[in-house]
Amino acid sequence: MPIMQVFLIEGRTEEQKAGLIRALTDAAVESIGAPVESVRVMITDVPNTQFGIAGKTAKELGR
């Protein structure tokens, strides 16, 4: 059973997340032949104050 975990800086819409889940599921099915019903995708929204890039928070960088 393929399990994919994705961390995103908060701010994506539910529609964008659903599209990402579909695309990742399709990629697993096509690339490794996984049965579609066995694919699991977990999305974790990370607050931009809790995500660092080059020593600054994503919020400080306007992300």
N, C-alpha and C. Protein backbone atom coordinates (compact mmCIF):
# COMPACT_ATOMS: atom_id res chain seq x y z
N MET A 1 0.84 -1.18 0.00
CA MET A 1 0.00 0.00 0.00
C MET A 1 0.89 1.24 0.00
N PRO A 2 0.89 2.02 -1.07
CA PRO A 2 1.66 3.26 -1.10
C PRO A 2 1.02 4.32 -0.20
N ILE A 3 1.85 4.92 0.61
CA ILE A 3 1.41 6.03 1.45
C ILE A 3 2.30 7.22 1.16
N MET A 4 1.70 8.33 0.78
CA MET A 4 2.45 9.55 0.48
C MET A 4 2.06 10.62 1.48
N GLN A 5 3.06 11.27 2.05
CA GLN A 5 2.79 12.37 2.98
C GLN A 5 3.36 13.64 2.39
N VAL A 6 2.54 14.68 2.35
CA VAL A 6 2.91 15.95 1.76
C VAL A 6 2.73 17.04 2.80
N PHE A 7 3.73 17.88 2.96
CA PHE A 7 3.64 19.03 3.84
C PHE A 7 3.52 20.27 2.97
N LEU A 8 2.49 21.08 3.23
CA LEU A 8 2.27 22.31 2.47
C LEU A 8 2.20 23.49 3.42
N ILE A 9 2.78 24.61 3.01
CA ILE A 9 2.54 25.83 3.76
C ILE A 9 1.06 26.16 3.60
N GLU A 10 0.41 26.48 4.69
CA GLU A 10 -1.03 26.73 4.67
C GLU A 10 -1.40 27.76 3.60
N GLY A 11 -2.65 27.67 3.15
CA GLY A 11 -3.14 28.65 2.20
C GLY A 11 -3.72 28.06 0.93
N ARG A 12 -3.56 26.75 0.73
CA ARG A 12 -4.14 26.13 -0.46
C ARG A 12 -5.63 25.91 -0.24
N THR A 13 -6.39 25.98 -1.31
CA THR A 13 -7.82 25.75 -1.22
C THR A 13 -8.10 24.24 -1.15
N GLU A 14 -9.30 23.90 -0.73
CA GLU A 14 -9.71 22.49 -0.69
C GLU A 14 -9.66 21.89 -2.10
N GLU A 15 -10.02 22.68 -3.09
CA GLU A 15 -9.99 22.21 -4.48
C GLU A 15 -8.56 21.90 -4.92
N GLN A 16 -7.61 22.75 -4.54
CA GLN A 16 -6.21 22.51 -4.88
C GLN A 16 -5.70 21.24 -4.21
N LYS A 17 -6.06 21.05 -2.97
CA LYS A 17 -5.63 19.85 -2.25
C LYS A 17 -6.24 18.60 -2.88
N ALA A 18 -7.51 18.67 -3.24
CA ALA A 18 -8.17 17.53 -3.89
C ALA A 18 -7.49 17.20 -5.21
N GLY A 19 -7.12 18.23 -5.96
CA GLY A 19 -6.41 18.02 -7.23
C GLY A 19 -5.05 17.37 -7.01
N LEU A 20 -4.35 17.78 -5.96
CA LEU A 20 -3.06 17.19 -5.64
C LEU A 20 -3.22 15.72 -5.25
N ILE A 21 -4.23 15.42 -4.46
CA ILE A 21 -4.50 14.03 -4.08
C ILE A 21 -4.76 13.18 -5.32
N ARG A 22 -5.58 13.69 -6.24
CA ARG A 22 -5.86 12.95 -7.47
C ARG A 22 -4.59 12.73 -8.28
N ALA A 23 -3.77 13.79 -8.42
CA ALA A 23 -2.56 13.69 -9.23
C ALA A 23 -1.54 12.72 -8.62
N LEU A 24 -1.38 12.77 -7.31
CA LEU A 24 -0.45 11.85 -6.66
C LEU A 24 -0.94 10.41 -6.74
N THR A 25 -2.23 10.22 -6.60
CA THR A 25 -2.80 8.88 -6.73
C THR A 25 -2.56 8.35 -8.14
N ASP A 26 -2.86 9.16 -9.13
CA ASP A 26 -2.63 8.75 -10.53
C ASP A 26 -1.17 8.42 -10.77
N ALA A 27 -0.26 9.22 -10.20
CA ALA A 27 1.17 8.98 -10.38
C ALA A 27 1.58 7.64 -9.79
N ALA A 28 1.07 7.30 -8.62
CA ALA A 28 1.40 6.02 -8.00
C ALA A 28 0.85 4.85 -8.82
N VAL A 29 -0.36 5.00 -9.32
CA VAL A 29 -0.96 3.95 -10.14
C VAL A 29 -0.15 3.75 -11.42
N GLU A 30 0.21 4.84 -12.08
CA GLU A 30 0.92 4.75 -13.35
C GLU A 30 2.38 4.32 -13.18
N SER A 31 3.06 4.82 -12.15
CA SER A 31 4.50 4.57 -12.04
C SER A 31 4.86 3.25 -11.39
N ILE A 32 4.08 2.80 -10.41
CA ILE A 32 4.43 1.54 -9.74
C ILE A 32 3.34 0.48 -9.84
N GLY A 33 2.29 0.80 -10.56
CA GLY A 33 1.23 -0.20 -10.77
C GLY A 33 0.39 -0.48 -9.54
N ALA A 34 0.34 0.47 -8.63
CA ALA A 34 -0.45 0.28 -7.41
C ALA A 34 -1.94 0.30 -7.74
N PRO A 35 -2.71 -0.58 -7.12
CA PRO A 35 -4.16 -0.49 -7.30
C PRO A 35 -4.66 0.84 -6.73
N VAL A 36 -5.51 1.52 -7.46
CA VAL A 36 -5.95 2.85 -7.04
C VAL A 36 -6.53 2.84 -5.64
N GLU A 37 -7.24 1.77 -5.29
CA GLU A 37 -7.88 1.74 -3.97
C GLU A 37 -6.88 1.54 -2.83
N SER A 38 -5.63 1.23 -3.16
CA SER A 38 -4.63 1.03 -2.11
C SER A 38 -3.81 2.28 -1.80
N VAL A 39 -3.96 3.31 -2.62
CA VAL A 39 -3.13 4.52 -2.48
C VAL A 39 -3.69 5.41 -1.38
N ARG A 40 -2.80 5.87 -0.51
CA ARG A 40 -3.16 6.80 0.57
C ARG A 40 -2.31 8.06 0.43
N VAL A 41 -2.95 9.21 0.57
CA VAL A 41 -2.25 10.49 0.52
C VAL A 41 -2.64 11.28 1.77
N MET A 42 -1.63 11.74 2.48
CA MET A 42 -1.87 12.55 3.68
C MET A 42 -1.28 13.94 3.45
N ILE A 43 -2.09 14.95 3.64
CA ILE A 43 -1.64 16.33 3.50
C ILE A 43 -1.63 16.97 4.88
N THR A 44 -0.50 17.57 5.22
CA THR A 44 -0.37 18.30 6.47
C THR A 44 -0.16 19.77 6.14
N ASP A 45 -1.07 20.61 6.61
CA ASP A 45 -0.91 22.06 6.44
C ASP A 45 -0.01 22.58 7.55
N VAL A 46 1.03 23.29 7.17
CA VAL A 46 1.97 23.84 8.13
C VAL A 46 1.78 25.36 8.15
N PRO A 47 1.51 25.93 9.33
CA PRO A 47 1.38 27.39 9.40
C PRO A 47 2.67 28.06 8.91
N ASN A 48 2.52 29.18 8.23
CA ASN A 48 3.70 29.84 7.67
C ASN A 48 4.65 30.37 8.74
N THR A 49 4.19 30.42 9.98
CA THR A 49 5.07 30.82 11.08
C THR A 49 5.87 29.63 11.61
N GLN A 50 5.52 28.43 11.16
CA GLN A 50 6.17 27.21 11.62
C GLN A 50 7.01 26.55 10.54
N PHE A 51 7.30 27.28 9.46
CA PHE A 51 8.04 26.75 8.33
C PHE A 51 9.19 27.70 8.05
N GLY A 52 10.42 27.22 8.10
CA GLY A 52 11.57 28.09 7.92
C GLY A 52 12.27 27.89 6.60
N ILE A 53 12.74 28.99 6.03
CA ILE A 53 13.50 28.97 4.78
C ILE A 53 14.68 29.92 4.97
N ALA A 54 15.88 29.41 4.88
CA ALA A 54 17.09 30.22 4.97
C ALA A 54 17.13 31.09 6.24
N GLY A 55 16.70 30.51 7.35
CA GLY A 55 16.78 31.21 8.61
C GLY A 55 15.65 32.17 8.93
N LYS A 56 14.64 32.21 8.08
CA LYS A 56 13.48 33.07 8.32
C LYS A 56 12.22 32.24 8.19
N THR A 57 11.15 32.71 8.84
CA THR A 57 9.88 32.01 8.66
C THR A 57 9.31 32.32 7.29
N ALA A 58 8.47 31.43 6.81
CA ALA A 58 7.81 31.66 5.53
C ALA A 58 6.98 32.94 5.59
N LYS A 59 6.41 33.22 6.76
CA LYS A 59 5.62 34.46 6.92
C LYS A 59 6.50 35.68 6.72
N GLU A 60 7.70 35.67 7.31
CA GLU A 60 8.61 36.79 7.14
C GLU A 60 8.99 37.00 5.68
N LEU A 61 9.00 35.91 4.92
CA LEU A 61 9.36 35.97 3.51
C LEU A 61 8.15 36.23 2.60
N GLY A 62 6.98 36.41 3.22
CA GLY A 62 5.79 36.70 2.42
C GLY A 62 5.19 35.49 1.74
N ARG A 63 5.43 34.31 2.30
CA ARG A 63 4.89 33.10 1.70
C ARG A 63 3.74 32.57 2.50
